[in-house]
Amino acid sequence: MAENTAPLTADQLIDDLGEYVTASPSSYHAADVAARRLVTAGFTQLGEHQDWPTAPGRYVVVRDGAVLAWIVPEGATATTPLRILGAHTDSPGFKLKPKSTSLSHGWVRAGTEIYGGPLLNSWLDRELRLAGRLVTRDGATHLTATGPVARIPQLAIHLDRQVNDGLTLGKQAHTAPILGLAGTAEQAAEADVLAVVARAAGVDAEEVDGYDVVVADSQTPSRFGADLEFFASGRLDNLSSVHAGITALEQIADDADGGAVIPLLAAFDHEELGSASRSGAAGPFLEEVLDRLYEGLGATASQRARALAGSWHLSSDAGHAVHPNYAERHDPANRPLPNRGPLLKINANQRYTTDAPGAAMWAQVCRAADVPSQEFVSHNDIPCGSTIGPITAARLGIRTVDVGIPLLSMHSAREMCGVDDVAHLRDAVAAFFTAELTV
């Protein structure tokens, strides 16, 4: 079995997160890169159509854009509880429609559909990639990612003198990315957005029978700030949490805690759409994996119930830092800031699942990791978002706590966080996976 690896330093970790985001422009890439990375760290990748081993070990399985990975330590029994780090691999943006090529007044445009709830204006005037998966006639799935090939250009102020009084974007009319020119009959005949995507995968567009392709920012993640204390990147919501789970698993020894818990990363797709899919948190993926895991441990229904009763789920999804230009939109007493630690997310209406035992568990984890923490609660006049936390708690009955690093510009094409919080979250997740808890 694999030995644990030394934790990355804070500087190494932020660079590593940037590399992971760059390599993961779609949920399918995020799951694939995570699995390949964990295989390199000694995990065995399993196929859902195969029989699974029952021996202790490190395992990972991918379903579409979701990835689950876990460690069954030596000494694990039919009643060994879980420590689940829940996250999601998708981000708001745009997805290619069928008949994805449209011609307009000499321009080649991509036909796209809004995915989730992006900040539309943040996607303007930046160079964009196309990425996702293609399924060819032979049934093979191909991951694909282009370089910067598209842009959604904003209308010049000379043609809209009131634009600074309020920008209104029509989702159908104003958000189509442009990819090229079709000013001649020959250019128009050859225009094919899918061909651009297929070429990046090394396949013929004529062989493509189906595709799931999204638009992603092509700008390289980077540090900034007077002391380089901030980090800007696409998809921090929620690859920051997926990355924390990957890096925490990488540093765990196989015999951690003598088999007292089974650490598990569950990174789902489609959270931005409500999670109701075969690879989403509201779907069956996690429950099916747990069925097979505990069957391998010889668990009866009663023993599995005992294991789940002793388990914890840490639902990790990015939250909001107080915005200095819109401070009135935040709770007046709870004002989280970057680099002050991950958030403990609380909502009286169970949009977040945190309760008193969960808050106590999180406090123990943060003390064990020597990590600061902050509380987040919404302003009463502003509706609260939600996470996969309530979904998993309702499906499986596992005690669940909602956390995540604070961001500004959430759901923008390019979000920002504090550099230190990336390390804080990794350390807290590593402690969650291994620390002895009294709750």
Protein backbone atom coordinates (compact mmCIF):
# COMPACT_ATOMS: atom_id res chain seq x y z
CA MET A 1 0.00 0.00 0.00
CA ALA A 2 1.01 3.61 -0.52
CA GLU A 3 2.65 5.64 2.17
CA ASN A 4 1.41 9.10 3.02
CA THR A 5 3.09 12.01 1.23
CA ALA A 6 4.39 15.20 2.84
CA PRO A 7 1.83 18.02 2.81
CA LEU A 8 2.37 20.75 0.25
CA THR A 9 3.44 24.09 1.67
CA ALA A 10 1.05 27.04 1.37
CA ASP A 11 2.94 28.41 -1.65
CA GLN A 12 3.09 24.99 -3.30
CA LEU A 13 -0.57 24.44 -2.58
CA ILE A 14 -1.76 27.64 -4.26
CA ASP A 15 0.31 26.82 -7.35
CA ASP A 16 -1.08 23.30 -7.30
CA LEU A 17 -4.66 24.60 -7.10
CA GLY A 18 -3.99 26.85 -10.09
CA GLU A 19 -2.68 23.90 -12.07
CA TYR A 20 -5.70 21.79 -11.09
CA VAL A 21 -8.18 24.49 -12.16
CA THR A 22 -6.34 25.01 -15.46
CA ALA A 23 -6.43 21.27 -16.17
CA SER A 24 -10.13 21.09 -15.21
CA PRO A 25 -12.15 23.43 -17.45
CA SER A 26 -15.17 21.11 -17.19
CA SER A 27 -16.59 18.80 -14.54
CA TYR A 28 -15.49 15.81 -16.64
CA HIS A 29 -11.91 17.02 -16.60
CA ALA A 30 -12.07 17.75 -12.87
CA ALA A 31 -13.15 14.19 -12.12
CA ASP A 32 -10.66 12.64 -14.54
CA VAL A 33 -7.70 14.69 -13.32
CA ALA A 34 -8.58 13.91 -9.69
CA ALA A 35 -8.74 10.18 -10.41
CA ARG A 36 -5.48 10.11 -12.36
CA ARG A 37 -3.75 12.09 -9.64
CA LEU A 38 -4.99 9.77 -6.91
CA VAL A 39 -3.94 6.72 -8.92
CA THR A 40 -0.45 8.21 -9.00
CA ALA A 41 -0.69 8.51 -5.19
CA GLY A 42 -1.41 4.78 -4.89
CA PHE A 43 -5.19 4.57 -5.32
CA THR A 44 -6.75 1.84 -7.45
CA GLN A 45 -9.30 3.06 -9.99
CA LEU A 46 -12.41 0.91 -10.04
CA GLY A 47 -15.03 0.46 -12.74
CA GLU A 48 -18.69 0.35 -11.80
CA HIS A 49 -19.22 -2.69 -14.04
CA GLN A 50 -16.53 -4.69 -12.19
CA ASP A 51 -16.48 -6.63 -8.94
CA TRP A 52 -14.74 -4.54 -6.31
CA PRO A 53 -12.00 -5.77 -3.98
CA THR A 54 -12.87 -6.29 -0.33
CA ALA A 55 -9.34 -5.86 1.01
CA PRO A 56 -8.19 -2.68 2.75
CA GLY A 57 -6.79 -0.17 0.28
CA ARG A 58 -7.17 3.14 -1.52
CA TYR A 59 -9.85 3.33 -4.18
CA VAL A 60 -11.32 5.82 -6.63
CA VAL A 61 -14.26 5.64 -9.05
CA VAL A 62 -15.51 8.12 -11.66
CA ARG A 63 -19.06 8.50 -12.92
CA ASP A 64 -19.35 11.13 -15.66
CA GLY A 65 -18.30 14.41 -13.99
CA ALA A 66 -18.27 13.04 -10.43
CA VAL A 67 -15.48 11.30 -8.55
CA LEU A 68 -15.49 9.38 -5.27
CA ALA A 69 -12.30 8.27 -3.53
CA TRP A 70 -11.81 6.55 -0.19
CA ILE A 71 -9.35 4.73 2.01
CA VAL A 72 -10.30 1.48 3.75
CA PRO A 73 -7.60 1.19 6.42
CA GLU A 74 -6.24 -1.95 7.99
CA GLY A 75 -8.49 -2.77 10.89
CA ALA A 76 -11.69 -1.44 9.29
CA THR A 77 -14.80 -3.41 10.30
CA ALA A 78 -18.45 -3.58 9.36
CA THR A 79 -19.22 -0.74 11.80
CA THR A 80 -16.33 1.59 10.96
CA PRO A 81 -17.80 5.07 10.40
CA LEU A 82 -17.16 7.41 7.50
CA ARG A 83 -15.67 10.87 7.29
CA ILE A 84 -17.05 12.25 4.01
CA LEU A 85 -15.80 15.45 2.39
CA GLY A 86 -18.57 16.51 0.00
CA ALA A 87 -17.95 18.99 -2.84
CA HIS A 88 -18.92 19.61 -6.46
CA THR A 89 -17.07 19.76 -9.76
CA ASP A 90 -19.32 22.03 -11.85
CA SER A 91 -19.48 25.84 -12.08
CA PRO A 92 -22.02 28.29 -13.54
CA GLY A 93 -21.45 29.38 -17.13
CA PHE A 94 -22.54 28.32 -20.61
CA LYS A 95 -23.06 25.00 -22.38
CA LEU A 96 -23.10 24.30 -26.12
CA LYS A 97 -26.54 23.76 -27.62
CA PRO A 98 -27.39 21.30 -30.37
CA LYS A 99 -26.71 22.87 -33.78
CA SER A 100 -23.96 24.78 -32.01
CA THR A 101 -22.85 26.89 -34.99
CA SER A 102 -24.74 30.08 -35.77
CA LEU A 103 -23.88 32.68 -38.44
CA SER A 104 -24.73 36.33 -37.88
CA HIS A 105 -23.78 39.23 -40.15
CA GLY A 106 -20.48 37.68 -41.21
CA TRP A 107 -19.54 36.27 -37.79
CA VAL A 108 -19.35 32.67 -36.57
CA ARG A 109 -20.97 32.31 -33.17
CA ALA A 110 -21.39 29.41 -30.75
CA GLY A 111 -24.94 28.61 -29.77
CA THR A 112 -24.91 28.33 -25.98
CA GLU A 113 -27.39 27.78 -23.19
CA ILE A 114 -27.03 29.32 -19.72
CA TYR A 115 -25.78 26.75 -17.19
CA GLY A 116 -26.75 27.54 -13.59
CA GLY A 117 -26.59 31.12 -12.39
CA PRO A 118 -23.46 32.87 -13.73
CA LEU A 119 -22.70 36.56 -13.38
CA LEU A 120 -23.24 37.16 -17.09
CA ASN A 121 -21.35 40.44 -17.34
CA SER A 122 -18.19 38.81 -15.96
CA TRP A 123 -17.96 36.65 -19.09
CA LEU A 124 -17.73 39.66 -21.41
CA ASP A 125 -14.50 40.70 -23.14
CA ARG A 126 -12.36 37.75 -22.05
CA GLU A 127 -10.83 34.96 -24.10
CA LEU A 128 -12.71 31.72 -23.61
CA ARG A 129 -12.13 27.99 -24.05
CA LEU A 130 -14.50 25.19 -24.99
CA ALA A 131 -14.17 21.98 -23.01
CA GLY A 132 -16.05 18.82 -22.11
CA ARG A 133 -16.63 15.34 -23.49
CA LEU A 134 -17.48 13.89 -26.89
CA VAL A 135 -18.95 10.45 -27.58
CA THR A 136 -18.10 9.03 -30.99
CA ARG A 137 -19.87 6.43 -33.13
CA ASP A 138 -17.79 3.63 -31.69
CA GLY A 139 -19.11 4.46 -28.20
CA ALA A 140 -15.79 5.89 -26.96
CA THR A 141 -15.74 8.98 -24.73
CA HIS A 142 -13.12 11.64 -25.47
CA LEU A 143 -12.28 14.56 -23.21
CA THR A 144 -11.60 17.75 -25.12
CA ALA A 145 -10.36 21.24 -24.29
CA THR A 146 -9.43 23.98 -26.73
CA GLY A 147 -7.18 26.93 -26.21
CA PRO A 148 -8.63 30.47 -26.23
CA VAL A 149 -10.97 30.36 -29.24
CA ALA A 150 -13.99 32.48 -28.30
CA ARG A 151 -15.08 35.81 -26.84
CA ILE A 152 -18.35 37.51 -25.88
CA PRO A 153 -17.72 41.13 -26.93
CA GLN A 154 -19.47 43.94 -25.11
CA LEU A 155 -21.21 46.69 -27.06
CA ALA A 156 -19.09 49.87 -27.23
CA ILE A 157 -20.25 52.76 -25.05
CA HIS A 158 -20.60 54.89 -28.19
CA LEU A 159 -23.51 52.65 -29.20
CA ASP A 160 -25.09 52.55 -25.73
CA ARG A 161 -24.51 55.84 -23.93
CA GLN A 162 -26.54 54.74 -20.89
CA VAL A 163 -24.70 51.47 -20.34
CA ASN A 164 -23.06 52.68 -17.11
CA ASP A 165 -26.50 53.44 -15.70
CA GLY A 166 -27.35 49.76 -15.85
CA LEU A 167 -26.20 46.93 -18.10
CA THR A 168 -28.94 44.56 -19.22
CA LEU A 169 -27.90 41.47 -21.15
CA GLY A 170 -30.38 39.40 -23.11
CA LYS A 171 -29.47 35.78 -22.43
CA GLN A 172 -30.36 34.71 -25.96
CA ALA A 173 -29.33 37.79 -27.96
CA HIS A 174 -26.25 39.12 -26.19
CA THR A 175 -24.24 36.22 -24.76
CA ALA A 176 -23.29 34.16 -27.83
CA PRO A 177 -19.49 33.77 -28.04
CA ILE A 178 -17.85 34.60 -31.38
CA LEU A 179 -15.25 32.21 -32.83
CA GLY A 180 -14.47 33.52 -36.30
CA LEU A 181 -15.58 35.18 -39.51
CA ALA A 182 -17.98 33.92 -42.16
CA GLY A 183 -17.92 36.90 -44.47
CA THR A 184 -17.59 34.79 -47.60
CA ALA A 185 -19.65 31.89 -48.88
CA GLU A 186 -16.64 29.59 -48.46
CA GLN A 187 -16.12 30.64 -44.83
CA ALA A 188 -19.81 30.20 -44.12
CA ALA A 189 -19.81 26.72 -45.62
CA GLU A 190 -16.82 25.69 -43.51
CA ALA A 191 -17.99 27.24 -40.23
CA ASP A 192 -18.42 24.50 -37.62
CA VAL A 193 -18.02 25.09 -33.90
CA LEU A 194 -18.18 21.37 -33.14
CA ALA A 195 -15.28 20.78 -35.54
CA VAL A 196 -13.14 23.13 -33.43
CA VAL A 197 -13.95 21.13 -30.32
CA ALA A 198 -13.49 17.78 -32.05
CA ARG A 199 -10.13 18.81 -33.50
CA ALA A 200 -8.88 19.54 -29.97
CA ALA A 201 -9.75 15.95 -29.05
CA GLY A 202 -8.14 14.53 -32.19
CA VAL A 203 -11.39 13.16 -33.60
CA ASP A 204 -13.46 13.87 -36.71
CA ALA A 205 -16.57 15.97 -36.06
CA GLU A 206 -18.50 13.66 -38.37
CA GLU A 207 -17.83 10.84 -35.91
CA VAL A 208 -19.31 12.69 -32.94
CA ASP A 209 -22.73 11.38 -31.93
CA GLY A 210 -23.10 13.31 -28.67
CA TYR A 211 -21.38 16.02 -26.66
CA ASP A 212 -21.41 17.85 -23.33
CA VAL A 213 -19.29 20.96 -23.87
CA VAL A 214 -19.07 24.06 -21.67
CA VAL A 215 -17.39 27.43 -21.96
CA ALA A 216 -14.47 28.19 -19.60
CA ASP A 217 -12.20 31.15 -18.95
CA SER A 218 -8.74 30.76 -20.48
CA GLN A 219 -6.90 33.22 -18.24
CA THR A 220 -4.21 31.68 -16.04
CA PRO A 221 -4.95 31.72 -12.29
CA SER A 222 -2.70 34.13 -10.44
CA ARG A 223 -1.84 35.71 -7.12
CA PHE A 224 -2.31 39.43 -6.61
CA GLY A 225 -2.60 42.08 -3.90
CA ALA A 226 -0.18 44.38 -2.11
CA ASP A 227 1.42 41.36 -0.43
CA LEU A 228 0.26 38.78 -3.00
CA GLU A 229 -2.27 37.64 -0.41
CA PHE A 230 -5.13 37.04 -2.86
CA PHE A 231 -5.73 34.44 -5.55
CA ALA A 232 -7.84 34.94 -8.69
CA SER A 233 -9.13 32.04 -10.74
CA GLY A 234 -12.11 30.59 -12.47
CA ARG A 235 -14.06 27.76 -10.80
CA LEU A 236 -12.96 28.37 -7.21
CA ASP A 237 -16.61 27.56 -6.55
CA ASN A 238 -16.10 24.73 -6.02
CA LEU A 239 -12.79 23.27 -7.20
CA SER A 240 -11.20 24.85 -4.12
CA SER A 241 -13.02 22.22 -2.04
CA VAL A 242 -12.40 19.34 -4.46
CA HIS A 243 -8.70 20.19 -4.44
CA ALA A 244 -8.65 20.30 -0.64
CA GLY A 245 -10.11 16.79 -0.58
CA ILE A 246 -7.60 15.45 -3.10
CA THR A 247 -4.57 16.93 -1.34
CA ALA A 248 -5.80 15.83 2.08
CA LEU A 249 -6.27 12.23 0.90
CA GLU A 250 -2.82 12.23 -0.65
CA GLN A 251 -1.16 12.88 2.69
CA ILE A 252 -3.04 10.28 4.75
CA ALA A 253 -1.23 7.09 5.73
CA ASP A 254 -3.15 3.87 5.04
CA ASP A 255 -3.15 2.93 8.70
CA ALA A 256 -4.22 6.38 9.90
CA ASP A 257 -6.06 6.17 13.22
CA GLY A 258 -5.67 2.39 13.24
CA GLY A 259 -8.75 1.88 11.09
CA ALA A 260 -11.05 4.02 13.26
CA VAL A 261 -12.65 5.83 10.28
CA ILE A 262 -12.96 5.57 6.50
CA PRO A 263 -12.06 8.91 4.87
CA LEU A 264 -13.98 9.55 1.63
CA LEU A 265 -14.03 12.35 -0.93
CA ALA A 266 -17.37 12.73 -2.75
CA ALA A 267 -17.13 15.34 -5.51
CA PHE A 268 -20.45 15.49 -7.36
CA ASP A 269 -21.55 17.10 -10.61
CA HIS A 270 -24.60 19.33 -11.30
CA GLU A 271 -24.74 21.11 -7.93
CA GLU A 272 -25.32 24.40 -9.74
CA LEU A 273 -28.47 22.88 -11.27
CA GLY A 274 -29.90 21.38 -8.09
CA SER A 275 -27.95 18.07 -7.99
CA ALA A 276 -30.76 15.92 -9.42
CA SER A 277 -28.79 13.67 -11.78
CA ARG A 278 -27.08 10.28 -11.77
CA SER A 279 -23.80 11.99 -10.90
CA GLY A 280 -25.28 14.65 -8.62
CA ALA A 281 -25.60 14.62 -4.84
CA ALA A 282 -29.35 14.00 -5.11
CA GLY A 283 -28.68 10.94 -7.26
CA PRO A 284 -27.71 7.41 -6.19
CA PHE A 285 -23.93 7.50 -6.71
CA LEU A 286 -22.75 7.89 -3.11
CA GLU A 287 -25.32 5.47 -1.73
CA GLU A 288 -24.38 2.84 -4.33
CA VAL A 289 -20.69 3.18 -3.47
CA LEU A 290 -21.44 2.87 0.25
CA ASP A 291 -23.54 -0.24 -0.43
CA ARG A 292 -20.58 -1.89 -2.14
CA LEU A 293 -18.07 -0.63 0.40
CA TYR A 294 -19.95 -2.01 3.41
CA GLU A 295 -20.87 -5.21 1.58
CA GLY A 296 -17.13 -5.73 1.16
CA LEU A 297 -16.73 -5.29 4.91
CA GLY A 298 -19.42 -7.91 5.50
CA ALA A 299 -21.86 -5.49 7.09
CA THR A 300 -25.41 -6.42 7.95
CA ALA A 301 -28.13 -3.78 7.65
CA SER A 302 -27.88 -3.16 11.39
CA GLN A 303 -24.09 -2.82 11.29
CA ARG A 304 -24.23 -0.41 8.37
CA ALA A 305 -26.81 1.69 10.22
CA ARG A 306 -24.46 1.81 13.21
CA ALA A 307 -21.60 2.89 10.95
CA LEU A 308 -23.62 5.70 9.39
CA ALA A 309 -24.84 6.83 12.82
CA GLY A 310 -21.22 7.39 13.81
CA SER A 311 -20.28 9.09 10.53
CA TRP A 312 -19.82 12.75 9.60
CA HIS A 313 -20.26 14.57 6.30
CA LEU A 314 -18.35 17.84 5.81
CA SER A 315 -20.17 19.64 2.99
CA SER A 316 -17.50 22.00 1.67
CA ASP A 317 -18.63 24.69 -0.76
CA ALA A 318 -17.30 28.20 -1.16
CA GLY A 319 -19.09 31.01 0.72
CA HIS A 320 -19.14 34.79 0.80
CA ALA A 321 -16.60 37.18 2.26
CA VAL A 322 -17.96 40.58 3.27
CA HIS A 323 -17.86 42.86 0.21
CA PRO A 324 -16.45 46.28 1.18
CA ASN A 325 -18.44 48.07 -1.54
CA TYR A 326 -21.73 46.38 -0.63
CA ALA A 327 -21.39 45.88 3.12
CA GLU A 328 -25.11 46.49 3.60
CA ARG A 329 -25.84 43.18 1.82
CA HIS A 330 -24.18 41.21 4.62
CA ASP A 331 -25.15 40.37 8.19
CA PRO A 332 -24.05 43.31 10.37
CA ALA A 333 -22.46 41.13 13.06
CA ASN A 334 -20.84 38.31 11.03
CA ARG A 335 -18.28 39.77 8.62
CA PRO A 336 -15.91 37.09 7.31
CA LEU A 337 -12.75 38.12 5.49
CA PRO A 338 -10.21 36.30 3.31
CA ASN A 339 -7.23 34.67 5.04
CA ARG A 340 -9.05 34.46 8.37
CA GLY A 341 -9.95 30.81 7.92
CA PRO A 342 -12.72 28.77 6.30
CA LEU A 343 -16.36 29.53 7.01
CA LEU A 344 -18.75 27.62 9.21
CA LYS A 345 -21.99 28.23 7.27
CA ILE A 346 -25.17 28.54 9.31
CA ASN A 347 -28.82 29.01 8.32
CA ALA A 348 -31.89 28.73 10.57
CA ASN A 349 -33.96 27.34 7.69
CA GLN A 350 -31.54 24.48 6.98
CA ARG A 351 -30.29 25.83 3.68
CA TYR A 352 -27.04 24.93 5.42
CA THR A 353 -27.11 21.90 7.71
CA THR A 354 -24.85 23.13 10.54
CA ASP A 355 -26.28 22.57 14.02
CA ALA A 356 -24.82 22.64 17.54
CA PRO A 357 -23.14 19.19 17.43
CA GLY A 358 -21.82 20.02 13.95
CA ALA A 359 -20.42 23.34 15.11
CA ALA A 360 -18.72 21.55 18.00
CA MET A 361 -17.26 18.95 15.63
CA TRP A 362 -15.92 21.70 13.35
CA ALA A 363 -14.37 23.49 16.34
CA GLN A 364 -12.56 20.28 17.31
CA VAL A 365 -11.32 19.79 13.75
CA CYS A 366 -10.00 23.34 13.50
CA ARG A 367 -8.25 23.07 16.87
CA ALA A 368 -6.64 19.79 15.81
CA ALA A 369 -5.45 21.42 12.56
CA ASP A 370 -4.48 24.71 14.27
CA VAL A 371 -6.67 26.51 11.74
CA PRO A 372 -8.78 29.65 12.35
CA SER A 373 -12.46 29.63 11.42
CA GLN A 374 -15.19 32.19 10.81
CA GLU A 375 -18.98 32.04 10.90
CA PHE A 376 -21.20 33.01 7.98
CA VAL A 377 -24.91 33.74 8.15
CA SER A 378 -27.03 35.59 5.58
CA HIS A 379 -28.65 39.00 5.91
CA ASN A 380 -32.32 38.44 6.80
CA ASP A 381 -33.54 40.45 3.80
CA ILE A 382 -31.51 38.43 1.27
CA PRO A 383 -32.39 34.79 0.44
CA CYS A 384 -29.75 32.26 1.39
CA GLY A 385 -28.23 29.87 -1.14
CA SER A 386 -27.80 26.18 -0.41
CA THR A 387 -25.38 23.30 -0.93
CA ILE A 388 -25.22 19.53 -1.24
CA GLY A 389 -25.21 19.36 2.57
CA PRO A 390 -28.99 19.20 3.12
CA ILE A 391 -29.35 16.75 0.22
CA THR A 392 -26.85 14.23 1.58
CA ALA A 393 -28.15 14.62 5.13
CA ALA A 394 -31.70 13.92 3.94
CA ARG A 395 -30.73 10.98 1.71
CA LEU A 396 -28.46 9.12 4.13
CA GLY A 397 -29.16 10.52 7.59
CA ILE A 398 -25.47 11.26 8.13
CA ARG A 399 -24.66 14.17 10.44
CA THR A 400 -23.61 17.04 8.20
CA VAL A 401 -21.85 20.39 8.59
CA ASP A 402 -21.52 23.12 5.94
CA VAL A 403 -18.19 24.89 5.49
CA GLY A 404 -16.08 26.48 2.72
CA ILE A 405 -13.55 29.19 1.99
CA PRO A 406 -14.78 32.81 1.65
CA LEU A 407 -14.85 34.32 -1.85
CA LEU A 408 -15.56 37.60 -3.55
CA SER A 409 -17.09 37.56 -7.06
CA MET A 410 -18.80 34.20 -6.55
CA HIS A 411 -20.29 32.88 -9.81
CA SER A 412 -18.08 35.22 -11.82
CA ALA A 413 -15.97 33.84 -14.62
CA ARG A 414 -13.06 34.72 -12.34
CA GLU A 415 -13.45 34.56 -8.56
CA MET A 416 -11.06 35.52 -5.77
CA CYS A 417 -10.06 34.10 -2.40
CA GLY A 418 -7.31 34.47 0.17
CA VAL A 419 -4.10 32.50 -0.40
CA ASP A 420 -3.90 31.35 3.22
CA ASP A 421 -7.46 29.99 3.19
CA VAL A 422 -6.53 27.36 0.60
CA ALA A 423 -4.00 25.90 3.06
CA HIS A 424 -6.38 26.40 5.98
CA LEU A 425 -9.07 24.35 4.26
CA ARG A 426 -6.66 21.59 3.24
CA ASP A 427 -5.36 21.32 6.81
CA ALA A 428 -8.88 21.29 8.26
CA VAL A 429 -10.00 18.58 5.84
CA ALA A 430 -6.93 16.48 6.63
CA ALA A 431 -7.72 16.77 10.34
CA PHE A 432 -11.38 15.95 9.68
CA PHE A 433 -10.30 12.76 7.92
CA THR A 434 -8.06 11.60 10.76
CA ALA A 435 -8.63 13.40 14.08
CA GLU A 436 -10.27 11.75 17.07
CA LEU A 437 -13.59 13.45 17.73
CA THR A 438 -15.70 13.44 20.89
CA VAL A 439 -19.00 14.31 19.16
